[in-house]
Amino acid sequence: MPDSSRRALYRIAYPLAERPTFLVGRHVYEIIDCSEAGLRYEVRDRRLPSLDTELGGTIHFRRGEELEVAGKVIRAQDEIVVLALDPPGIPFSEMLSEQRYLRSKGYTLRD
């Protein structure tokens, strides 16, 4: 029987100093956390997108990698937006590279 208390996807919660950015048009947002299938970002002093809005942009990871993503807004509340990514989302290899990068900077990652 599978352990239902575990997430099906690996999630990285970023330390403030290492947050990647999410460029949507001319706006740049900080990513709070992400998984292969979604991301959560902070919207300061701007209007939140409506639920079900389709949007896309570029993730700029601190380690220098960039990744184009697109998806649908599934939550937008209190300056936080949750975007469910269209496949392929964030490749698992990118998630592992991010984990290695953060550990190399001395961060302890908890699942």
PDB file of N, CA and C in Angstrom:
ATOM      1  N   MET A   1       0.851  -1.193   0.000  1.00  0.00           N
ATOM      2  CA  MET A   1       0.000   0.000   0.000  1.00  0.00           C
ATOM      3  C   MET A   1       0.887   1.243   0.000  1.00  0.00           C
ATOM      4  N   PRO A   2       0.671   2.187  -0.925  1.00  0.00           N
ATOM      5  CA  PRO A   2       1.515   3.384  -0.981  1.00  0.00           C
ATOM      6  C   PRO A   2       1.303   4.285   0.241  1.00  0.00           C
ATOM      7  N   ASP A   3       2.342   5.014   0.572  1.00  0.00           N
ATOM      8  CA  ASP A   3       2.282   5.947   1.699  1.00  0.00           C
ATOM      9  C   ASP A   3       1.608   7.225   1.211  1.00  0.00           C
ATOM     10  N   SER A   4       0.368   7.445   1.595  1.00  0.00           N
ATOM     11  CA  SER A   4      -0.392   8.597   1.111  1.00  0.00           C
ATOM     12  C   SER A   4       0.034   9.913   1.754  1.00  0.00           C
ATOM     13  N   SER A   5       0.899   9.864   2.767  1.00  0.00           N
ATOM     14  CA  SER A   5       1.338  11.099   3.409  1.00  0.00           C
ATOM     15  C   SER A   5       2.497  11.753   2.648  1.00  0.00           C
ATOM     16  N   ARG A   6       3.058  11.056   1.672  1.00  0.00           N
ATOM     17  CA  ARG A   6       4.174  11.594   0.893  1.00  0.00           C
ATOM     18  C   ARG A   6       3.662  12.235  -0.388  1.00  0.00           C
ATOM     19  N   ARG A   7       4.299  13.324  -0.786  1.00  0.00           N
ATOM     20  CA  ARG A   7       3.941  13.971  -2.046  1.00  0.00           C
ATOM     21  C   ARG A   7       4.389  13.109  -3.210  1.00  0.00           C
ATOM     22  N   ALA A   8       3.631  13.157  -4.288  1.00  0.00           N
ATOM     23  CA  ALA A   8       3.995  12.415  -5.490  1.00  0.00           C
ATOM     24  C   ALA A   8       5.140  13.101  -6.232  1.00  0.00           C
ATOM     25  N   LEU A   9       5.277  14.405  -6.037  1.00  0.00           N
ATOM     26  CA  LEU A   9       6.323  15.175  -6.705  1.00  0.00           C
ATOM     27  C   LEU A   9       7.230  15.832  -5.676  1.00  0.00           C
ATOM     28  N   TYR A  10       8.480  15.977  -6.043  1.00  0.00           N
ATOM     29  CA  TYR A  10       9.443  16.618  -5.166  1.00  0.00           C
ATOM     30  C   TYR A  10       9.265  18.133  -5.241  1.00  0.00           C
ATOM     31  N   ARG A  11       9.243  18.801  -4.102  1.00  0.00           N
ATOM     32  CA  ARG A  11       9.063  20.248  -4.047  1.00  0.00           C
ATOM     33  C   ARG A  11      10.296  20.883  -3.407  1.00  0.00           C
ATOM     34  N   ILE A  12      10.734  21.991  -3.996  1.00  0.00           N
ATOM     35  CA  ILE A  12      11.838  22.759  -3.420  1.00  0.00           C
ATOM     36  C   ILE A  12      11.276  24.070  -2.895  1.00  0.00           C
ATOM     37  N   ALA A  13      11.440  24.298  -1.591  1.00  0.00           N
ATOM     38  CA  ALA A  13      11.088  25.582  -0.970  1.00  0.00           C
ATOM     39  C   ALA A  13      12.383  26.378  -0.881  1.00  0.00           C
ATOM     40  N   TYR A  14      12.386  27.556  -1.489  1.00  0.00           N
ATOM     41  CA  TYR A  14      13.621  28.327  -1.616  1.00  0.00           C
ATOM     42  C   TYR A  14      13.887  29.230  -0.429  1.00  0.00           C
ATOM     43  N   PRO A  15      15.161  29.276   0.013  1.00  0.00           N
ATOM     44  CA  PRO A  15      15.560  30.305   0.972  1.00  0.00           C
ATOM     45  C   PRO A  15      15.431  31.660   0.274  1.00  0.00           C
ATOM     46  N   LEU A  16      15.127  32.699   1.012  1.00  0.00           N
ATOM     47  CA  LEU A  16      14.899  34.029   0.452  1.00  0.00           C
ATOM     48  C   LEU A  16      16.028  34.477  -0.481  1.00  0.00           C
ATOM     49  N   ALA A  17      17.265  34.268  -0.075  1.00  0.00           N
ATOM     50  CA  ALA A  17      18.413  34.742  -0.855  1.00  0.00           C
ATOM     51  C   ALA A  17      18.649  33.952  -2.138  1.00  0.00           C
ATOM     52  N   GLU A  18      18.031  32.788  -2.270  1.00  0.00           N
ATOM     53  CA  GLU A  18      18.283  31.927  -3.437  1.00  0.00           C
ATOM     54  C   GLU A  18      17.067  31.739  -4.334  1.00  0.00           C
ATOM     55  N   ARG A  19      16.034  32.543  -4.126  1.00  0.00           N
ATOM     56  CA  ARG A  19      14.822  32.385  -4.921  1.00  0.00           C
ATOM     57  C   ARG A  19      15.082  32.666  -6.400  1.00  0.00           C
ATOM     58  N   PRO A  20      14.625  31.767  -7.269  1.00  0.00           N
ATOM     59  CA  PRO A  20      14.702  32.064  -8.697  1.00  0.00           C
ATOM     60  C   PRO A  20      13.672  33.136  -9.043  1.00  0.00           C
ATOM     61  N   THR A  21      13.801  33.722 -10.215  1.00  0.00           N
ATOM     62  CA  THR A  21      12.814  34.709 -10.639  1.00  0.00           C
ATOM     63  C   THR A  21      11.974  34.125 -11.774  1.00  0.00           C
ATOM     64  N   PHE A  22      10.779  34.677 -11.900  1.00  0.00           N
ATOM     65  CA  PHE A  22       9.836  34.262 -12.937  1.00  0.00           C
ATOM     66  C   PHE A  22       9.482  35.506 -13.727  1.00  0.00           C
ATOM     67  N   LEU A  23       9.942  35.574 -14.966  1.00  0.00           N
ATOM     68  CA  LEU A  23       9.718  36.726 -15.833  1.00  0.00           C
ATOM     69  C   LEU A  23       8.476  36.474 -16.682  1.00  0.00           C
ATOM     70  N   VAL A  24       7.447  37.307 -16.472  1.00  0.00           N
ATOM     71  CA  VAL A  24       6.201  37.216 -17.228  1.00  0.00           C
ATOM     72  C   VAL A  24       6.009  38.575 -17.899  1.00  0.00           C
ATOM     73  N   GLY A  25       6.201  38.619 -19.208  1.00  0.00           N
ATOM     74  CA  GLY A  25       6.157  39.908 -19.898  1.00  0.00           C
ATOM     75  C   GLY A  25       7.275  40.796 -19.372  1.00  0.00           C
ATOM     76  N   ARG A  26       6.906  41.974 -18.866  1.00  0.00           N
ATOM     77  CA  ARG A  26       7.911  42.886 -18.292  1.00  0.00           C
ATOM     78  C   ARG A  26       8.000  42.776 -16.778  1.00  0.00           C
ATOM     79  N   HIS A  27       7.204  41.901 -16.187  1.00  0.00           N
ATOM     80  CA  HIS A  27       7.165  41.776 -14.725  1.00  0.00           C
ATOM     81  C   HIS A  27       8.045  40.629 -14.247  1.00  0.00           C
ATOM     82  N   VAL A  28       8.761  40.875 -13.149  1.00  0.00           N
ATOM     83  CA  VAL A  28       9.633  39.864 -12.563  1.00  0.00           C
ATOM     84  C   VAL A  28       9.110  39.548 -11.161  1.00  0.00           C
ATOM     85  N   TYR A  29       8.899  38.258 -10.904  1.00  0.00           N
ATOM     86  CA  TYR A  29       8.385  37.795  -9.619  1.00  0.00           C
ATOM     87  C   TYR A  29       9.380  36.829  -8.989  1.00  0.00           C
ATOM     88  N   GLU A  30       9.358  36.721  -7.668  1.00  0.00           N
ATOM     89  CA  GLU A  30      10.203  35.758  -6.971  1.00  0.00           C
ATOM     90  C   GLU A  30       9.426  34.466  -6.759  1.00  0.00           C
ATOM     91  N   ILE A  31      10.074  33.345  -7.095  1.00  0.00           N
ATOM     92  CA  ILE A  31       9.466  32.035  -6.888  1.00  0.00           C
ATOM     93  C   ILE A  31       9.714  31.599  -5.452  1.00  0.00           C
ATOM     94  N   ILE A  32       8.653  31.249  -4.755  1.00  0.00           N
ATOM     95  CA  ILE A  32       8.733  30.812  -3.358  1.00  0.00           C
ATOM     96  C   ILE A  32       9.093  29.331  -3.302  1.00  0.00           C
ATOM     97  N   ASP A  33       8.408  28.535  -4.115  1.00  0.00           N
ATOM     98  CA  ASP A  33       8.722  27.110  -4.206  1.00  0.00           C
ATOM     99  C   ASP A  33       8.232  26.578  -5.548  1.00  0.00           C
ATOM    100  N   CYS A  34       8.727  25.387  -5.886  1.00  0.00           N
ATOM    101  CA  CYS A  34       8.296  24.782  -7.143  1.00  0.00           C
ATOM    102  C   CYS A  34       8.423  23.272  -7.063  1.00  0.00           C
ATOM    103  N   SER A  35       7.702  22.616  -7.954  1.00  0.00           N
ATOM    104  CA  SER A  35       7.815  21.181  -8.166  1.00  0.00           C
ATOM    105  C   SER A  35       7.854  20.984  -9.675  1.00  0.00           C
ATOM    106  N   GLU A  36       7.882  19.747 -10.103  1.00  0.00           N
ATOM    107  CA  GLU A  36       7.897  19.478 -11.536  1.00  0.00           C
ATOM    108  C   GLU A  36       6.611  19.960 -12.211  1.00  0.00           C
ATOM    109  N   ALA A  37       5.511  19.999 -11.458  1.00  0.00           N
ATOM    110  CA  ALA A  37       4.204  20.290 -12.043  1.00  0.00           C
ATOM    111  C   ALA A  37       3.646  21.671 -11.704  1.00  0.00           C
ATOM    112  N   GLY A  38       4.369  22.450 -10.888  1.00  0.00           N
ATOM    113  CA  GLY A  38       3.817  23.751 -10.523  1.00  0.00           C
ATOM    114  C   GLY A  38       4.813  24.630  -9.812  1.00  0.00           C
ATOM    115  N   LEU A  39       4.412  25.883  -9.635  1.00  0.00           N
ATOM    116  CA  LEU A  39       5.250  26.809  -8.880  1.00  0.00           C
ATOM    117  C   LEU A  39       4.363  27.806  -8.154  1.00  0.00           C
ATOM    118  N   ARG A  40       4.945  28.367  -7.110  1.00  0.00           N
ATOM    119  CA  ARG A  40       4.258  29.376  -6.307  1.00  0.00           C
ATOM    120  C   ARG A  40       5.154  30.597  -6.303  1.00  0.00           C
ATOM    121  N   TYR A  41       4.584  31.758  -6.666  1.00  0.00           N
ATOM    122  CA  TYR A  41       5.384  32.976  -6.712  1.00  0.00           C
ATOM    123  C   TYR A  41       4.664  34.122  -6.010  1.00  0.00           C
ATOM    124  N   GLU A  42       5.461  35.129  -5.669  1.00  0.00           N
ATOM    125  CA  GLU A  42       4.979  36.272  -4.891  1.00  0.00           C
ATOM    126  C   GLU A  42       4.713  37.456  -5.819  1.00  0.00           C
ATOM    127  N   VAL A  43       3.567  38.101  -5.628  1.00  0.00           N
ATOM    128  CA  VAL A  43       3.183  39.282  -6.400  1.00  0.00           C
ATOM    129  C   VAL A  43       3.084  40.449  -5.425  1.00  0.00           C
ATOM    130  N   ARG A  44       4.018  41.389  -5.512  1.00  0.00           N
ATOM    131  CA  ARG A  44       4.017  42.538  -4.605  1.00  0.00           C
ATOM    132  C   ARG A  44       3.494  43.765  -5.339  1.00  0.00           C
ATOM    133  N   ASP A  45       2.536  44.449  -4.734  1.00  0.00           N
ATOM    134  CA  ASP A  45       2.022  45.719  -5.255  1.00  0.00           C
ATOM    135  C   ASP A  45       1.497  45.637  -6.690  1.00  0.00           C
ATOM    136  N   ARG A  46       1.044  44.495  -7.094  1.00  0.00           N
ATOM    137  CA  ARG A  46       0.456  44.350  -8.426  1.00  0.00           C
ATOM    138  C   ARG A  46      -0.835  43.570  -8.296  1.00  0.00           C
ATOM    139  N   ARG A  47      -1.662  43.716  -9.290  1.00  0.00           N
ATOM    140  CA  ARG A  47      -2.924  42.972  -9.281  1.00  0.00           C
ATOM    141  C   ARG A  47      -2.658  41.488  -9.513  1.00  0.00           C
ATOM    142  N   LEU A  48      -3.371  40.665  -8.787  1.00  0.00           N
ATOM    143  CA  LEU A  48      -3.250  39.222  -8.956  1.00  0.00           C
ATOM    144  C   LEU A  48      -3.997  38.787 -10.221  1.00  0.00           C
ATOM    145  N   PRO A  49      -3.463  37.789 -10.930  1.00  0.00           N
ATOM    146  CA  PRO A  49      -4.202  37.284 -12.090  1.00  0.00           C
ATOM    147  C   PRO A  49      -5.456  36.539 -11.621  1.00  0.00           C
ATOM    148  N   SER A  50      -6.426  36.458 -12.496  1.00  0.00           N
ATOM    149  CA  SER A  50      -7.658  35.738 -12.177  1.00  0.00           C
ATOM    150  C   SER A  50      -7.423  34.231 -12.231  1.00  0.00           C
ATOM    151  N   LEU A  51      -8.251  33.495 -11.501  1.00  0.00           N
ATOM    152  CA  LEU A  51      -8.186  32.038 -11.560  1.00  0.00           C
ATOM    153  C   LEU A  51      -8.412  31.581 -12.991  1.00  0.00           C
ATOM    154  N   ASP A  52      -7.761  30.499 -13.362  1.00  0.00           N
ATOM    155  CA  ASP A  52      -7.846  29.881 -14.689  1.00  0.00           C
ATOM    156  C   ASP A  52      -7.168  30.684 -15.786  1.00  0.00           C
ATOM    157  N   THR A  53      -6.477  31.783 -15.439  1.00  0.00           N
ATOM    158  CA  THR A  53      -5.718  32.545 -16.438  1.00  0.00           C
ATOM    159  C   THR A  53      -4.555  31.691 -16.930  1.00  0.00           C
ATOM    160  N   GLU A  54      -4.411  31.612 -18.232  1.00  0.00           N
ATOM    161  CA  GLU A  54      -3.265  30.921 -18.835  1.00  0.00           C
ATOM    162  C   GLU A  54      -2.137  31.937 -18.955  1.00  0.00           C
ATOM    163  N   LEU A  55      -0.966  31.581 -18.456  1.00  0.00           N
ATOM    164  CA  LEU A  55       0.176  32.476 -18.615  1.00  0.00           C
ATOM    165  C   LEU A  55       1.458  31.695 -18.730  1.00  0.00           C
ATOM    166  N   GLY A  56       2.459  32.347 -19.274  1.00  0.00           N
ATOM    167  CA  GLY A  56       3.757  31.716 -19.460  1.00  0.00           C
ATOM    168  C   GLY A  56       4.862  32.706 -19.200  1.00  0.00           C
ATOM    169  N   GLY A  57       6.049  32.175 -19.027  1.00  0.00           N
ATOM    170  CA  GLY A  57       7.190  33.030 -18.770  1.00  0.00           C
ATOM    171  C   GLY A  57       8.461  32.216 -18.678  1.00  0.00           C
ATOM    172  N   THR A  58       9.488  32.880 -18.195  1.00  0.00           N
ATOM    173  CA  THR A  58      10.807  32.260 -18.089  1.00  0.00           C
ATOM    174  C   THR A  58      11.253  32.222 -16.634  1.00  0.00           C
ATOM    175  N   ILE A  59      11.637  31.027 -16.177  1.00  0.00           N
ATOM    176  CA  ILE A  59      12.243  30.886 -14.848  1.00  0.00           C
ATOM    177  C   ILE A  59      13.736  31.105 -15.013  1.00  0.00           C
ATOM    178  N   HIS A  60      14.285  31.991 -14.180  1.00  0.00           N
ATOM    179  CA  HIS A  60      15.736  32.228 -14.144  1.00  0.00           C
ATOM    180  C   HIS A  60      16.249  31.687 -12.815  1.00  0.00           C
ATOM    181  N   PHE A  61      16.907  30.530 -12.877  1.00  0.00           N
ATOM    182  CA  PHE A  61      17.469  29.929 -11.674  1.00  0.00           C
ATOM    183  C   PHE A  61      18.769  30.641 -11.311  1.00  0.00           C
ATOM    184  N   ARG A  62      19.082  30.714 -10.035  1.00  0.00           N
ATOM    185  CA  ARG A  62      20.303  31.406  -9.566  1.00  0.00           C
ATOM    186  C   ARG A  62      21.574  30.752 -10.082  1.00  0.00           C
ATOM    187  N   ARG A  63      21.507  29.486 -10.415  1.00  0.00           N
ATOM    188  CA  ARG A  63      22.696  28.783 -10.900  1.00  0.00           C
ATOM    189  C   ARG A  63      22.975  29.068 -12.365  1.00  0.00           C
ATOM    190  N   GLY A  64      22.119  29.915 -12.995  1.00  0.00           N
ATOM    191  CA  GLY A  64      22.363  30.356 -14.358  1.00  0.00           C
ATOM    192  C   GLY A  64      21.470  29.740 -15.416  1.00  0.00           C
ATOM    193  N   GLU A  65      20.720  28.713 -15.071  1.00  0.00           N
ATOM    194  CA  GLU A  65      19.835  28.068 -16.047  1.00  0.00           C
ATOM    195  C   GLU A  65      18.550  28.867 -16.228  1.00  0.00           C
ATOM    196  N   GLU A  66      17.976  28.773 -17.419  1.00  0.00           N
ATOM    197  CA  GLU A  66      16.686  29.399 -17.718  1.00  0.00           C
ATOM    198  C   GLU A  66      15.765  28.333 -18.288  1.00  0.00           C
ATOM    199  N   LEU A  67      14.462  28.481 -18.021  1.00  0.00           N
ATOM    200  CA  LEU A  67      13.496  27.497 -18.481  1.00  0.00           C
ATOM    201  C   LEU A  67      12.177  28.184 -18.811  1.00  0.00           C
ATOM    202  N   GLU A  68      11.686  27.944 -20.023  1.00  0.00           N
ATOM    203  CA  GLU A  68      10.385  28.482 -20.429  1.00  0.00           C
ATOM    204  C   GLU A  68       9.297  27.554 -19.897  1.00  0.00           C
ATOM    205  N   VAL A  69       8.266  28.141 -19.272  1.00  0.00           N
ATOM    206  CA  VAL A  69       7.142  27.354 -18.767  1.00  0.00           C
ATOM    207  C   VAL A  69       5.837  28.078 -19.075  1.00  0.00           C
ATOM    208  N   ALA A  70       4.748  27.319 -19.044  1.00  0.00           N
ATOM    209  CA  ALA A  70       3.411  27.885 -19.204  1.00  0.00           C
ATOM    210  C   ALA A  70       2.470  27.065 -18.342  1.00  0.00           C
ATOM    211  N   GLY A  71       1.353  27.680 -17.965  1.00  0.00           N
ATOM    212  CA  GLY A  71       0.396  26.957 -17.146  1.00  0.00           C
ATOM    213  C   GLY A  71      -0.831  27.787 -16.851  1.00  0.00           C
ATOM    214  N   LYS A  72      -1.610  27.296 -15.881  1.00  0.00           N
ATOM    215  CA  LYS A  72      -2.874  27.922 -15.516  1.00  0.00           C
ATOM    216  C   LYS A  72      -2.849  28.304 -14.034  1.00  0.00           C
ATOM    217  N   VAL A  73      -3.361  29.502 -13.732  1.00  0.00           N
ATOM    218  CA  VAL A  73      -3.451  29.972 -12.346  1.00  0.00           C
ATOM    219  C   VAL A  73      -4.525  29.158 -11.625  1.00  0.00           C
ATOM    220  N   ILE A  74      -4.125  28.456 -10.560  1.00  0.00           N
ATOM    221  CA  ILE A  74      -5.090  27.670  -9.789  1.00  0.00           C
ATOM    222  C   ILE A  74      -5.363  28.271  -8.410  1.00  0.00           C
ATOM    223  N   ARG A  75      -4.553  29.251  -8.014  1.00  0.00           N
ATOM    224  CA  ARG A  75      -4.791  29.968  -6.763  1.00  0.00           C
ATOM    225  C   ARG A  75      -4.130  31.330  -6.855  1.00  0.00           C
ATOM    226  N   ALA A  76      -4.813  32.350  -6.347  1.00  0.00           N
ATOM    227  CA  ALA A  76      -4.268  33.708  -6.323  1.00  0.00           C
ATOM    228  C   ALA A  76      -4.881  34.405  -5.125  1.00  0.00           C
ATOM    229  N   GLN A  77      -4.078  34.540  -4.060  1.00  0.00           N
ATOM    230  CA  GLN A  77      -4.591  35.103  -2.826  1.00  0.00           C
ATOM    231  C   GLN A  77      -3.433  35.636  -1.983  1.00  0.00           C
ATOM    232  N   ASP A  78      -3.651  36.773  -1.328  1.00  0.00           N
ATOM    233  CA  ASP A  78      -2.673  37.339  -0.388  1.00  0.00           C
ATOM    234  C   ASP A  78      -1.273  37.475  -0.987  1.00  0.00           C
ATOM    235  N   GLU A  79      -1.173  38.043  -2.185  1.00  0.00           N
ATOM    236  CA  GLU A  79       0.102  38.269  -2.872  1.00  0.00           C
ATOM    237  C   GLU A  79       0.809  36.990  -3.314  1.00  0.00           C
ATOM    238  N   ILE A  80       0.126  35.851  -3.288  1.00  0.00           N
ATOM    239  CA  ILE A  80       0.711  34.576  -3.702  1.00  0.00           C
ATOM    240  C   ILE A  80      -0.101  34.007  -4.868  1.00  0.00           C
ATOM    241  N   VAL A  81       0.622  33.577  -5.907  1.00  0.00           N
ATOM    242  CA  VAL A  81      -0.018  32.955  -7.064  1.00  0.00           C
ATOM    243  C   VAL A  81       0.537  31.541  -7.205  1.00  0.00           C
ATOM    244  N   VAL A  82      -0.370  30.585  -7.433  1.00  0.00           N
ATOM    245  CA  VAL A  82       0.027  29.202  -7.688  1.00  0.00           C
ATOM    246  C   VAL A  82      -0.309  28.888  -9.141  1.00  0.00           C
ATOM    247  N   LEU A  83       0.704  28.431  -9.858  1.00  0.00           N
ATOM    248  CA  LEU A  83       0.573  28.130 -11.272  1.00  0.00           C
ATOM    249  C   LEU A  83       0.763  26.629 -11.484  1.00  0.00           C
ATOM    250  N   ALA A  84      -0.272  25.952 -12.025  1.00  0.00           N
ATOM    251  CA  ALA A  84      -0.147  24.540 -12.418  1.00  0.00           C
ATOM    252  C   ALA A  84       0.444  24.530 -13.814  1.00  0.00           C
ATOM    253  N   LEU A  85       1.621  23.922 -13.956  1.00  0.00           N
ATOM    254  CA  LEU A  85       2.351  23.971 -15.219  1.00  0.00           C
ATOM    255  C   LEU A  85       1.830  22.957 -16.227  1.00  0.00           C
ATOM    256  N   ASP A  86       1.812  23.392 -17.484  1.00  0.00           N
ATOM    257  CA  ASP A  86       1.511  22.477 -18.581  1.00  0.00           C
ATOM    258  C   ASP A  86       2.692  21.520 -18.729  1.00  0.00           C
ATOM    259  N   PRO A  87       2.427  20.276 -19.177  1.00  0.00           N
ATOM    260  CA  PRO A  87       3.539  19.355 -19.432  1.00  0.00           C
ATOM    261  C   PRO A  87       4.479  19.949 -20.485  1.00  0.00           C
ATOM    262  N   PRO A  88       5.769  19.796 -20.377  1.00  0.00           N
ATOM    263  CA  PRO A  88       6.457  18.910 -19.445  1.00  0.00           C
ATOM    264  C   PRO A  88       6.752  19.544 -18.088  1.00  0.00           C
ATOM    265  N   GLY A  89       6.369  20.786 -17.843  1.00  0.00           N
ATOM    266  CA  GLY A  89       6.655  21.432 -16.562  1.00  0.00           C
ATOM    267  C   GLY A  89       8.143  21.638 -16.367  1.00  0.00           C
ATOM    268  N   ILE A  90       8.600  21.425 -15.146  1.00  0.00           N
ATOM    269  CA  ILE A  90      10.028  21.540 -14.828  1.00  0.00           C
ATOM    270  C   ILE A  90      10.601  20.124 -14.823  1.00  0.00           C
ATOM    271  N   PRO A  91      11.542  19.833 -15.713  1.00  0.00           N
ATOM    272  CA  PRO A  91      12.100  18.474 -15.765  1.00  0.00           C
ATOM    273  C   PRO A  91      12.710  18.049 -14.425  1.00  0.00           C
ATOM    274  N   PHE A  92      12.578  16.757 -14.119  1.00  0.00           N
ATOM    275  CA  PHE A  92      13.123  16.208 -12.884  1.00  0.00           C
ATOM    276  C   PHE A  92      14.619  16.499 -12.777  1.00  0.00           C
ATOM    277  N   SER A  93      15.331  16.452 -13.916  1.00  0.00           N
ATOM    278  CA  SER A  93      16.773  16.731 -13.906  1.00  0.00           C
ATOM    279  C   SER A  93      17.056  18.153 -13.405  1.00  0.00           C
ATOM    280  N   GLU A  94      16.178  19.121 -13.745  1.00  0.00           N
ATOM    281  CA  GLU A  94      16.336  20.501 -13.258  1.00  0.00           C
ATOM    282  C   GLU A  94      16.108  20.550 -11.748  1.00  0.00           C
ATOM    283  N   MET A  95      15.123  19.795 -11.270  1.00  0.00           N
ATOM    284  CA  MET A  95      14.842  19.759  -9.837  1.00  0.00           C
ATOM    285  C   MET A  95      16.063  19.220  -9.075  1.00  0.00           C
ATOM    286  N   LEU A  96      16.676  18.171  -9.607  1.00  0.00           N
ATOM    287  CA  LEU A  96      17.865  17.609  -8.960  1.00  0.00           C
ATOM    288  C   LEU A  96      19.030  18.589  -9.002  1.00  0.00           C
ATOM    289  N   SER A  97      19.197  19.290 -10.122  1.00  0.00           N
ATOM    290  CA  SER A  97      20.273  20.288 -10.229  1.00  0.00           C
ATOM    291  C   SER A  97      20.064  21.416  -9.226  1.00  0.00           C
ATOM    292  N   GLU A  98      18.812  21.836  -9.053  1.00  0.00           N
ATOM    293  CA  GLU A  98      18.503  22.879  -8.069  1.00  0.00           C
ATOM    294  C   GLU A  98      18.827  22.403  -6.654  1.00  0.00           C
ATOM    295  N   GLN A  99      18.458  21.168  -6.360  1.00  0.00           N
ATOM    296  CA  GLN A  99      18.737  20.596  -5.043  1.00  0.00           C
ATOM    297  C   GLN A  99      20.249  20.565  -4.792  1.00  0.00           C
ATOM    298  N   ARG A 100      21.019  20.101  -5.769  1.00  0.00           N
ATOM    299  CA  ARG A 100      22.482  20.071  -5.621  1.00  0.00           C
ATOM    300  C   ARG A 100      23.047  21.472  -5.428  1.00  0.00           C
ATOM    301  N   TYR A 101      22.539  22.428  -6.212  1.00  0.00           N
ATOM    302  CA  TYR A 101      23.006  23.807  -6.107  1.00  0.00           C
ATOM    303  C   TYR A 101      22.767  24.357  -4.692  1.00  0.00           C
ATOM    304  N   LEU A 102      21.551  24.182  -4.183  1.00  0.00           N
ATOM    305  CA  LEU A 102      21.224  24.711  -2.854  1.00  0.00           C
ATOM    306  C   LEU A 102      22.053  24.040  -1.766  1.00  0.00           C
ATOM    307  N   ARG A 103      22.258  22.742  -1.896  1.00  0.00           N
ATOM    308  CA  ARG A 103      23.101  22.039  -0.902  1.00  0.00           C
ATOM    309  C   ARG A 103      24.544  22.533  -0.973  1.00  0.00           C
ATOM    310  N   SER A 104      25.031  22.831  -2.175  1.00  0.00           N
ATOM    311  CA  SER A 104      26.399  23.338  -2.326  1.00  0.00           C
ATOM    312  C   SER A 104      26.558  24.707  -1.674  1.00  0.00           C
ATOM    313  N   LYS A 105      25.455  25.429  -1.533  1.00  0.00           N
ATOM    314  CA  LYS A 105      25.467  26.739  -0.875  1.00  0.00           C
ATOM    315  C   LYS A 105      25.294  26.611   0.641  1.00  0.00           C
ATOM    316  N   GLY A 106      25.147  25.383   1.126  1.00  0.00           N
ATOM    317  CA  GLY A 106      25.054  25.154   2.567  1.00  0.00           C
ATOM    318  C   GLY A 106      23.648  25.056   3.117  1.00  0.00           C
ATOM    319  N   TYR A 107      22.649  25.025   2.246  1.00  0.00           N
ATOM    320  CA  TYR A 107      21.268  24.925   2.728  1.00  0.00           C
ATOM    321  C   TYR A 107      20.905  23.466   2.958  1.00  0.00           C
ATOM    322  N   THR A 108      20.152  23.230   4.028  1.00  0.00           N
ATOM    323  CA  THR A 108      19.617  21.914   4.313  1.00  0.00           C
ATOM    324  C   THR A 108      18.209  21.870   3.780  1.00  0.00           C
ATOM    325  N   LEU A 109      17.915  20.897   2.976  1.00  0.00           N
ATOM    326  CA  LEU A 109      16.593  20.830   2.358  1.00  0.00           C
ATOM    327  C   LEU A 109      15.751  19.785   3.084  1.00  0.00           C
ATOM    328  N   ARG A 110      14.522  20.175   3.355  1.00  0.00           N
ATOM    329  CA  ARG A 110      13.586  19.251   4.001  1.00  0.00           C
ATOM    330  C   ARG A 110      12.434  18.993   3.058  1.00  0.00           C
ATOM    331  N   ASP A 111      11.952  17.770   3.044  1.00  0.00           N
ATOM    332  CA  ASP A 111      10.836  17.403   2.174  1.00  0.00           C
ATOM    333  C   ASP A 111       9.530  17.676   2.898  1.00  0.00           C
TER     334      ASP A 111
END
